[in-house]
C-alpha atoms as a PDB file:
ATOM      1  CA  MET A   1     106.458 109.361  76.763  1.00  0.00           C
ATOM      2  CA  THR A   2     102.983 108.203  77.746  1.00  0.00           C
ATOM      3  CA  PHE A   3     102.285 106.430  80.829  1.00  0.00           C
ATOM      4  CA  ARG A   4     100.794 102.982  79.940  1.00  0.00           C
ATOM      5  CA  TYR A   5      98.054 102.927  82.651  1.00  0.00           C
ATOM      6  CA  LYS A   6      97.201 106.597  82.845  1.00  0.00           C
ATOM      7  CA  ASP A   7      93.526 105.969  82.196  1.00  0.00           C
ATOM      8  CA  VAL A   8      93.412 103.267  85.103  1.00  0.00           C
ATOM      9  CA  LEU A   9      95.260 106.067  87.284  1.00  0.00           C
ATOM     10  CA  ASP A  10      92.802 108.770  86.220  1.00  0.00           C
ATOM     11  CA  ARG A  11      89.699 106.699  87.099  1.00  0.00           C
ATOM     12  CA  GLY A  12      90.760 106.589  90.794  1.00  0.00           C
ATOM     13  CA  LYS A  13      89.585 104.381  93.625  1.00  0.00           C
ATOM     14  CA  PRO A  14      86.259 102.521  92.749  1.00  0.00           C
ATOM     15  CA  THR A  15      83.372 103.186  94.769  1.00  0.00           C
ATOM     16  CA  HIS A  16      80.633 100.590  95.685  1.00  0.00           C
ATOM     17  CA  GLU A  17      77.084 100.867  96.918  1.00  0.00           C
ATOM     18  CA  LYS A  18      76.592  99.142 100.448  1.00  0.00           C
ATOM     19  CA  ASP A  19      74.366  96.467  99.030  1.00  0.00           C
ATOM     20  CA  ASP A  20      75.681  95.729  95.678  1.00  0.00           C
ATOM     21  CA  THR A  21      77.090  92.233  94.847  1.00  0.00           C
ATOM     22  CA  PHE A  22      80.787  93.372  95.434  1.00  0.00           C
ATOM     23  CA  SER A  23      80.336  94.828  98.682  1.00  0.00           C
ATOM     24  CA  ILE A  24      78.222  91.922  99.837  1.00  0.00           C
ATOM     25  CA  LYS A  25      81.067  89.465  98.786  1.00  0.00           C
ATOM     26  CA  HIS A  26      83.879  91.752 100.012  1.00  0.00           C
ATOM     27  CA  PRO A  27      82.869  93.775 102.838  1.00  0.00           C
ATOM     28  CA  PRO A  28      85.494  96.292 104.283  1.00  0.00           C
ATOM     29  CA  MET A  29      87.841  95.123 106.625  1.00  0.00           C
ATOM     30  CA  GLU A  30      88.119  96.695 110.284  1.00  0.00           C
ATOM     31  CA  LEU A  31      91.255  98.975 110.599  1.00  0.00           C
ATOM     32  CA  SER A  32      92.356  96.969 113.754  1.00  0.00           C
ATOM     33  CA  LYS A  33      92.283  93.677 111.584  1.00  0.00           C
ATOM     34  CA  ARG A  34      93.883  95.387 108.797  1.00  0.00           C
ATOM     35  CA  ALA A  35      96.833  96.478 110.973  1.00  0.00           C
ATOM     36  CA  LYS A  36      97.372  92.874 112.030  1.00  0.00           C
ATOM     37  CA  ILE A  37      98.124  91.811 108.506  1.00  0.00           C
ATOM     38  CA  PHE A  38     101.279  93.893 108.290  1.00  0.00           C
ATOM     39  CA  SER A  39     102.505  93.718 111.861  1.00  0.00           C
ATOM     40  CA  PRO A  40     104.539  90.471 111.362  1.00  0.00           C
ATOM     41  CA  PHE A  41     106.217  92.183 108.371  1.00  0.00           C
ATOM     42  CA  ASP A  42     109.748  93.720 108.993  1.00  0.00           C
ATOM     43  CA  ALA A  43     110.998  95.409 105.895  1.00  0.00           C
ATOM     44  CA  LEU A  44     114.166  96.786 107.484  1.00  0.00           C
ATOM     45  CA  LYS A  45     115.484  93.777 109.507  1.00  0.00           C
ATOM     46  CA  GLY A  46     117.364  95.230 112.586  1.00  0.00           C
ATOM     47  CA  PHE A  47     116.064  98.775 112.149  1.00  0.00           C
ATOM     48  CA  GLY A  48     113.967  98.659 115.412  1.00  0.00           C
ATOM     49  CA  ASP A  49     117.071  97.359 117.219  1.00  0.00           C
ATOM     50  CA  GLU A  50     119.289 100.259 115.877  1.00  0.00           C
ATOM     51  CA  LEU A  51     116.707 102.918 116.873  1.00  0.00           C
ATOM     52  CA  SER A  52     116.655 101.540 120.303  1.00  0.00           C
ATOM     53  CA  LYS A  53     120.350 101.432 120.518  1.00  0.00           C
ATOM     54  CA  SER A  54     120.552 105.041 119.270  1.00  0.00           C
ATOM     55  CA  GLN A  55     117.865 106.094 121.835  1.00  0.00           C
ATOM     56  CA  THR A  56     119.747 104.559 124.586  1.00  0.00           C
ATOM     57  CA  GLU A  57     122.878 106.331 123.551  1.00  0.00           C
ATOM     58  CA  VAL A  58     121.248 109.655 123.075  1.00  0.00           C
ATOM     59  CA  THR A  59     119.514 109.351 126.577  1.00  0.00           C
ATOM     60  CA  ASP A  60     122.552 108.296 128.257  1.00  0.00           C
ATOM     61  CA  HIS A  61     124.551 111.300 126.920  1.00  0.00           C
ATOM     62  CA  PHE A  62     121.735 113.646 127.733  1.00  0.00           C
ATOM     63  CA  LEU A  63     121.649 112.387 131.300  1.00  0.00           C
ATOM     64  CA  LYS A  64     125.255 112.420 131.613  1.00  0.00           C
ATOM     65  CA  ASP A  65     125.457 116.179 130.426  1.00  0.00           C
ATOM     66  CA  ARG A  66     122.533 116.822 132.757  1.00  0.00           C
ATOM     67  CA  ASP A  67     124.321 115.315 135.725  1.00  0.00           C
ATOM     68  CA  SER A  68     127.485 117.314 135.216  1.00  0.00           C
ATOM     69  CA  ILE A  69     125.589 120.494 134.839  1.00  0.00           C
ATOM     70  CA  GLU A  70     123.725 119.908 138.183  1.00  0.00           C
ATOM     71  CA  ASP A  71     127.259 119.159 139.838  1.00  0.00           C
ATOM     72  CA  THR A  72     128.769 122.339 138.818  1.00  0.00           C
ATOM     73  CA  PRO A  73     128.376 125.242 141.416  1.00  0.00           C
END
């Protein structure tokens, strides 16, 4: 089976000169601004809340075990 767009994939990422028409029209975006584009996107709704919950449970368990170890003579 052949991959339909293999030639496009093999070409790789296009490169442009600093002062060609494409680069003038479409200057590269700063990384700080680029990150803002994706920040409101939450692909896994509730995942952050579950991570926080798990972290709290693990921390509480660890602290409970540590306290019981400190209490033993």
